[in-house]
Amino acid sequence: MTKPDAPLWKKLFDAADSTVGTSLNEFARSENFAILAGLATRAYTELMTRSERSSRQWLHFLNLPAGSDVNRLLEQIGLLEREVRDLRKQIDDDRSSDKGRPDTGKRVAANGGARQSHVRVDKDPA
């Protein structure tokens, strides 16, 4: 299979593959391998869960934020950004619909101009 002038590592690999390769392939397709892979995955998941829980407890003990705290804050920021975007859109829609109507009143500063908010005062309908 290998050429006579092939590198030594290639010759060693081909020799190992021809002797052990077929039995490894059969084992990899067996039910026992599937069971071992499932158990290894379950053990890894459990180990990671316990590790994360332990590190979160230590970080909270030291009064530091854990990754779950940061993720929760990022979710809240995302929700606030969506709400602001929706409110901006609603304001823009209201302004664009007001542009089509004739102005029936003039804007007067509320409370003698002490605040920045404005109140619309309508003209006398008579």
N, C-alpha and C. Protein backbone atom coordinates (compact mmCIF):
# COMPACT_ATOMS: atom_id res chain seq x y z
N MET A 1 0.81 -1.18 0.00
CA MET A 1 0.00 0.00 0.00
C MET A 1 0.86 1.25 0.00
N THR A 2 1.83 1.31 0.88
CA THR A 2 2.70 2.48 0.89
C THR A 2 3.83 2.28 -0.09
N LYS A 3 4.27 3.38 -0.60
CA LYS A 3 5.39 3.35 -1.52
C LYS A 3 6.67 3.09 -0.74
N PRO A 4 7.65 2.48 -1.36
CA PRO A 4 8.90 2.21 -0.65
C PRO A 4 9.64 3.49 -0.25
N ASP A 5 9.43 4.58 -0.97
CA ASP A 5 10.12 5.83 -0.62
C ASP A 5 9.26 6.75 0.25
N ALA A 6 8.19 6.21 0.84
CA ALA A 6 7.31 7.01 1.70
C ALA A 6 8.01 7.33 3.02
N PRO A 7 7.62 8.44 3.67
CA PRO A 7 8.24 8.78 4.96
C PRO A 7 7.93 7.73 6.01
N LEU A 8 8.76 7.70 7.05
CA LEU A 8 8.64 6.70 8.10
C LEU A 8 7.30 6.81 8.82
N TRP A 9 6.84 8.05 9.11
CA TRP A 9 5.57 8.20 9.84
C TRP A 9 4.41 7.62 9.05
N LYS A 10 4.48 7.75 7.72
CA LYS A 10 3.41 7.21 6.87
C LYS A 10 3.42 5.68 6.91
N LYS A 11 4.59 5.09 6.90
CA LYS A 11 4.70 3.63 6.97
C LYS A 11 4.16 3.13 8.31
N LEU A 12 4.53 3.82 9.41
CA LEU A 12 4.04 3.42 10.74
C LEU A 12 2.52 3.57 10.83
N PHE A 13 2.00 4.66 10.29
CA PHE A 13 0.55 4.87 10.33
C PHE A 13 -0.18 3.79 9.55
N ASP A 14 0.30 3.47 8.37
CA ASP A 14 -0.36 2.45 7.56
C ASP A 14 -0.29 1.07 8.22
N ALA A 15 0.82 0.78 8.90
CA ALA A 15 0.95 -0.51 9.60
C ALA A 15 -0.04 -0.58 10.76
N ALA A 16 -0.14 0.49 11.53
CA ALA A 16 -1.09 0.52 12.66
C ALA A 16 -2.52 0.48 12.16
N ASP A 17 -2.79 1.17 11.06
CA ASP A 17 -4.15 1.21 10.51
C ASP A 17 -4.58 -0.17 10.00
N SER A 18 -3.67 -0.88 9.40
CA SER A 18 -4.04 -2.19 8.87
C SER A 18 -4.25 -3.21 9.99
N THR A 19 -3.56 -3.08 11.11
CA THR A 19 -3.72 -4.06 12.20
C THR A 19 -4.85 -3.69 13.14
N VAL A 20 -4.96 -2.42 13.53
CA VAL A 20 -5.93 -2.01 14.54
C VAL A 20 -7.15 -1.32 13.93
N GLY A 21 -7.01 -0.78 12.74
CA GLY A 21 -8.05 0.03 12.13
C GLY A 21 -9.38 -0.67 11.97
N THR A 22 -9.37 -1.90 11.50
CA THR A 22 -10.64 -2.60 11.27
C THR A 22 -11.36 -2.89 12.59
N SER A 23 -10.60 -3.31 13.61
CA SER A 23 -11.25 -3.59 14.89
C SER A 23 -11.77 -2.31 15.53
N LEU A 24 -11.06 -1.19 15.37
CA LEU A 24 -11.55 0.09 15.89
C LEU A 24 -12.81 0.54 15.17
N ASN A 25 -12.85 0.35 13.87
CA ASN A 25 -14.05 0.70 13.12
C ASN A 25 -15.25 -0.13 13.55
N GLU A 26 -15.04 -1.40 13.78
CA GLU A 26 -16.13 -2.26 14.24
C GLU A 26 -16.62 -1.82 15.63
N PHE A 27 -15.68 -1.47 16.52
CA PHE A 27 -16.05 -1.03 17.86
C PHE A 27 -16.82 0.30 17.80
N ALA A 28 -16.38 1.20 16.91
CA ALA A 28 -17.04 2.50 16.79
C ALA A 28 -18.48 2.36 16.29
N ARG A 29 -18.78 1.30 15.58
CA ARG A 29 -20.14 1.07 15.08
C ARG A 29 -20.97 0.20 16.02
N SER A 30 -20.40 -0.21 17.13
CA SER A 30 -21.11 -1.12 18.03
C SER A 30 -22.00 -0.37 19.01
N GLU A 31 -22.89 -1.12 19.66
CA GLU A 31 -23.79 -0.55 20.65
C GLU A 31 -23.01 -0.13 21.90
N ASN A 32 -21.98 -0.88 22.25
CA ASN A 32 -21.17 -0.54 23.43
C ASN A 32 -20.53 0.84 23.29
N PHE A 33 -20.05 1.16 22.08
CA PHE A 33 -19.46 2.47 21.87
C PHE A 33 -20.50 3.57 22.03
N ALA A 34 -21.70 3.34 21.52
CA ALA A 34 -22.77 4.32 21.65
C ALA A 34 -23.12 4.55 23.12
N ILE A 35 -23.14 3.47 23.90
CA ILE A 35 -23.42 3.59 25.33
C ILE A 35 -22.31 4.38 26.02
N LEU A 36 -21.06 4.05 25.71
CA LEU A 36 -19.93 4.77 26.31
C LEU A 36 -19.94 6.26 25.92
N ALA A 37 -20.24 6.53 24.67
CA ALA A 37 -20.29 7.93 24.23
C ALA A 37 -21.40 8.68 24.96
N GLY A 38 -22.55 8.05 25.14
CA GLY A 38 -23.65 8.69 25.87
C GLY A 38 -23.31 8.95 27.32
N LEU A 39 -22.67 7.97 27.96
CA LEU A 39 -22.25 8.14 29.36
C LEU A 39 -21.20 9.23 29.50
N ALA A 40 -20.28 9.28 28.57
CA ALA A 40 -19.23 10.31 28.60
C ALA A 40 -19.85 11.70 28.42
N THR A 41 -20.81 11.81 27.53
CA THR A 41 -21.48 13.10 27.32
C THR A 41 -22.25 13.51 28.55
N ARG A 42 -22.95 12.58 29.17
CA ARG A 42 -23.72 12.87 30.38
C ARG A 42 -22.78 13.29 31.53
N ALA A 43 -21.66 12.57 31.67
CA ALA A 43 -20.70 12.91 32.73
C ALA A 43 -20.09 14.29 32.49
N TYR A 44 -19.76 14.61 31.24
CA TYR A 44 -19.20 15.91 30.91
C TYR A 44 -20.20 17.03 31.21
N THR A 45 -21.46 16.82 30.84
CA THR A 45 -22.50 17.82 31.10
C THR A 45 -22.68 18.04 32.60
N GLU A 46 -22.71 16.96 33.37
CA GLU A 46 -22.86 17.07 34.82
C GLU A 46 -21.66 17.79 35.44
N LEU A 47 -20.47 17.48 34.98
CA LEU A 47 -19.27 18.12 35.48
C LEU A 47 -19.29 19.62 35.18
N MET A 48 -19.69 19.99 33.98
CA MET A 48 -19.75 21.41 33.61
C MET A 48 -20.83 22.14 34.42
N THR A 49 -21.96 21.50 34.66
CA THR A 49 -23.03 22.11 35.45
C THR A 49 -22.56 22.38 36.87
N ARG A 50 -21.94 21.38 37.48
CA ARG A 50 -21.44 21.56 38.85
C ARG A 50 -20.34 22.61 38.92
N SER A 51 -19.48 22.62 37.93
CA SER A 51 -18.40 23.60 37.89
C SER A 51 -18.96 25.02 37.77
N GLU A 52 -19.93 25.21 36.89
CA GLU A 52 -20.54 26.53 36.73
C GLU A 52 -21.25 26.97 38.00
N ARG A 53 -21.96 26.04 38.63
CA ARG A 53 -22.67 26.36 39.88
C ARG A 53 -21.68 26.78 40.96
N SER A 54 -20.59 26.03 41.08
CA SER A 54 -19.58 26.32 42.09
C SER A 54 -18.93 27.68 41.83
N SER A 55 -18.56 27.95 40.58
CA SER A 55 -17.91 29.24 40.28
C SER A 55 -18.88 30.39 40.49
N ARG A 56 -20.16 30.19 40.16
CA ARG A 56 -21.16 31.24 40.38
C ARG A 56 -21.30 31.54 41.87
N GLN A 57 -21.30 30.49 42.71
CA GLN A 57 -21.40 30.69 44.15
C GLN A 57 -20.19 31.45 44.69
N TRP A 58 -19.01 31.08 44.22
CA TRP A 58 -17.81 31.77 44.68
C TRP A 58 -17.80 33.23 44.23
N LEU A 59 -18.19 33.48 43.00
CA LEU A 59 -18.23 34.86 42.52
C LEU A 59 -19.23 35.68 43.31
N HIS A 60 -20.40 35.12 43.61
CA HIS A 60 -21.39 35.83 44.41
C HIS A 60 -20.89 36.04 45.84
N PHE A 61 -20.17 35.07 46.37
CA PHE A 61 -19.58 35.21 47.71
C PHE A 61 -18.61 36.38 47.74
N LEU A 62 -17.87 36.57 46.65
CA LEU A 62 -16.92 37.68 46.55
C LEU A 62 -17.59 38.96 46.05
N ASN A 63 -18.91 38.93 45.94
CA ASN A 63 -19.71 40.08 45.49
C ASN A 63 -19.33 40.50 44.08
N LEU A 64 -19.10 39.52 43.21
CA LEU A 64 -18.79 39.77 41.81
C LEU A 64 -19.90 39.18 40.95
N PRO A 65 -20.15 39.76 39.79
CA PRO A 65 -21.20 39.21 38.92
C PRO A 65 -20.72 37.94 38.22
N ALA A 66 -21.64 37.01 38.10
CA ALA A 66 -21.36 35.77 37.36
C ALA A 66 -21.85 35.95 35.93
N GLY A 67 -21.51 35.01 35.08
CA GLY A 67 -21.93 35.06 33.69
C GLY A 67 -23.44 35.10 33.55
N SER A 68 -24.14 34.37 34.41
CA SER A 68 -25.61 34.36 34.34
C SER A 68 -26.17 35.74 34.68
N ASP A 69 -25.53 36.46 35.60
CA ASP A 69 -25.97 37.82 35.93
C ASP A 69 -25.79 38.75 34.73
N VAL A 70 -24.65 38.63 34.08
CA VAL A 70 -24.37 39.47 32.91
C VAL A 70 -25.37 39.15 31.79
N ASN A 71 -25.64 37.86 31.57
CA ASN A 71 -26.60 37.48 30.53
C ASN A 71 -27.99 38.04 30.83
N ARG A 72 -28.40 38.00 32.08
CA ARG A 72 -29.71 38.53 32.46
C ARG A 72 -29.77 40.04 32.20
N LEU A 73 -28.68 40.76 32.54
CA LEU A 73 -28.64 42.19 32.28
C LEU A 73 -28.66 42.50 30.78
N LEU A 74 -27.95 41.69 30.00
CA LEU A 74 -27.95 41.89 28.55
C LEU A 74 -29.35 41.67 27.96
N GLU A 75 -30.08 40.69 28.48
CA GLU A 75 -31.46 40.48 28.04
C GLU A 75 -32.33 41.68 28.37
N GLN A 76 -32.18 42.22 29.57
CA GLN A 76 -32.97 43.38 29.97
C GLN A 76 -32.62 44.60 29.10
N ILE A 77 -31.35 44.78 28.79
CA ILE A 77 -30.95 45.89 27.92
C ILE A 77 -31.55 45.72 26.53
N GLY A 78 -31.54 44.49 26.03
CA GLY A 78 -32.14 44.23 24.73
C GLY A 78 -33.63 44.55 24.71
N LEU A 79 -34.33 44.17 25.78
CA LEU A 79 -35.76 44.48 25.86
C LEU A 79 -35.99 45.99 25.90
N LEU A 80 -35.18 46.71 26.68
CA LEU A 80 -35.31 48.16 26.74
C LEU A 80 -35.03 48.81 25.39
N GLU A 81 -34.03 48.32 24.68
CA GLU A 81 -33.72 48.87 23.36
C GLU A 81 -34.88 48.65 22.40
N ARG A 82 -35.50 47.46 22.46
CA ARG A 82 -36.67 47.21 21.61
C ARG A 82 -37.82 48.14 21.95
N GLU A 83 -38.06 48.36 23.25
CA GLU A 83 -39.14 49.26 23.67
C GLU A 83 -38.87 50.69 23.19
N VAL A 84 -37.63 51.15 23.32
CA VAL A 84 -37.28 52.49 22.87
C VAL A 84 -37.47 52.61 21.36
N ARG A 85 -37.05 51.58 20.62
CA ARG A 85 -37.21 51.59 19.17
C ARG A 85 -38.70 51.65 18.79
N ASP A 86 -39.52 50.87 19.49
CA ASP A 86 -40.97 50.88 19.22
C ASP A 86 -41.57 52.25 19.55
N LEU A 87 -41.15 52.84 20.67
CA LEU A 87 -41.67 54.16 21.04
C LEU A 87 -41.24 55.22 20.04
N ARG A 88 -39.98 55.15 19.57
CA ARG A 88 -39.51 56.10 18.55
C ARG A 88 -40.35 55.98 17.28
N LYS A 89 -40.60 54.74 16.88
CA LYS A 89 -41.40 54.50 15.68
C LYS A 89 -42.80 55.06 15.86
N GLN A 90 -43.37 54.85 17.03
CA GLN A 90 -44.71 55.34 17.32
C GLN A 90 -44.72 56.88 17.28
N ILE A 91 -43.71 57.51 17.84
CA ILE A 91 -43.62 58.98 17.82
C ILE A 91 -43.47 59.48 16.39
N ASP A 92 -42.59 58.83 15.62
CA ASP A 92 -42.40 59.24 14.22
C ASP A 92 -43.69 59.08 13.42
N ASP A 93 -44.41 57.99 13.66
CA ASP A 93 -45.69 57.77 12.96
C ASP A 93 -46.69 58.85 13.34
N ASP A 94 -46.75 59.20 14.63
CA ASP A 94 -47.67 60.25 15.08
C ASP A 94 -47.30 61.60 14.46
N ARG A 95 -46.01 61.90 14.41
CA ARG A 95 -45.57 63.17 13.82
C ARG A 95 -45.89 63.23 12.33
N SER A 96 -45.66 62.11 11.64
CA SER A 96 -45.92 62.12 10.20
C SER A 96 -47.42 62.21 9.92
N SER A 97 -48.26 61.65 10.78
CA SER A 97 -49.71 61.77 10.58
C SER A 97 -50.19 63.16 10.95
N ASP A 98 -49.50 63.86 11.88
CA ASP A 98 -49.87 65.23 12.25
C ASP A 98 -49.47 66.23 11.17
N LYS A 99 -48.45 65.92 10.38
CA LYS A 99 -48.01 66.84 9.33
C LYS A 99 -49.08 67.03 8.26
N GLY A 100 -49.88 66.02 8.03
CA GLY A 100 -50.93 66.10 7.01
C GLY A 100 -52.11 66.93 7.46
N ARG A 101 -52.30 67.16 8.74
CA ARG A 101 -53.45 67.91 9.26
C ARG A 101 -53.09 69.39 9.39
N PRO A 102 -54.08 70.26 9.21
CA PRO A 102 -53.80 71.68 9.44
C PRO A 102 -53.64 71.94 10.93
N ASP A 103 -52.81 72.91 11.27
CA ASP A 103 -52.55 73.23 12.67
C ASP A 103 -53.75 73.99 13.25
N THR A 104 -54.39 73.42 14.27
CA THR A 104 -55.58 74.03 14.86
C THR A 104 -55.25 74.78 16.13
N GLY A 105 -54.05 74.77 16.54
CA GLY A 105 -53.69 75.46 17.78
C GLY A 105 -52.22 75.77 17.78
N LYS A 106 -51.81 76.53 18.77
CA LYS A 106 -50.39 76.82 18.88
C LYS A 106 -49.85 76.19 20.14
N ARG A 107 -48.59 75.88 20.12
CA ARG A 107 -47.97 75.22 21.28
C ARG A 107 -47.55 76.28 22.28
N VAL A 108 -47.89 75.98 23.55
CA VAL A 108 -47.55 76.89 24.63
C VAL A 108 -46.83 76.08 25.69
N ALA A 109 -45.78 76.64 26.24
CA ALA A 109 -45.05 75.93 27.27
C ALA A 109 -45.93 75.79 28.50
N ALA A 110 -45.94 74.60 29.10
CA ALA A 110 -46.77 74.35 30.29
C ALA A 110 -46.10 74.97 31.51
N ASN A 111 -46.91 75.38 32.48
CA ASN A 111 -46.43 75.95 33.74
C ASN A 111 -45.53 77.16 33.53
N GLY A 112 -45.91 78.01 32.63
CA GLY A 112 -45.15 79.23 32.43
C GLY A 112 -43.76 79.00 31.86
N GLY A 113 -43.55 77.91 31.21
CA GLY A 113 -42.26 77.63 30.60
C GLY A 113 -41.27 77.01 31.55
N ALA A 114 -41.69 76.62 32.75
CA ALA A 114 -40.77 76.04 33.72
C ALA A 114 -40.32 74.65 33.29
N ARG A 115 -41.13 73.96 32.52
CA ARG A 115 -40.79 72.61 32.06
C ARG A 115 -40.49 72.61 30.57
N GLN A 116 -39.96 71.53 30.12
CA GLN A 116 -39.68 71.38 28.71
C GLN A 116 -40.88 70.80 27.95
N SER A 117 -41.85 70.23 28.65
CA SER A 117 -42.99 69.63 27.97
C SER A 117 -43.92 70.71 27.46
N HIS A 118 -44.71 70.39 26.46
CA HIS A 118 -45.58 71.36 25.82
C HIS A 118 -47.02 70.87 25.88
N VAL A 119 -47.93 71.85 25.92
CA VAL A 119 -49.36 71.55 25.93
C VAL A 119 -49.96 72.26 24.73
N ARG A 120 -50.85 71.61 24.04
CA ARG A 120 -51.50 72.21 22.87
C ARG A 120 -52.74 72.96 23.34
N VAL A 121 -52.85 74.22 22.95
CA VAL A 121 -54.01 75.03 23.30
C VAL A 121 -54.78 75.25 22.01
N ASP A 122 -56.01 74.79 21.97
CA ASP A 122 -56.83 74.93 20.77
C ASP A 122 -57.44 76.31 20.70
N LYS A 123 -57.62 76.78 19.47
CA LYS A 123 -58.28 78.08 19.28
C LYS A 123 -59.73 77.98 19.65
N ASP A 124 -60.34 79.10 19.91
CA ASP A 124 -61.75 79.14 20.25
C ASP A 124 -62.56 78.65 19.05
N PRO A 125 -63.42 77.61 19.24
CA PRO A 125 -64.13 77.04 18.11
C PRO A 125 -65.18 77.99 17.53
N ALA A 126 -65.53 79.09 18.20
CA ALA A 126 -66.58 79.97 17.71
C ALA A 126 -66.16 80.85 16.62
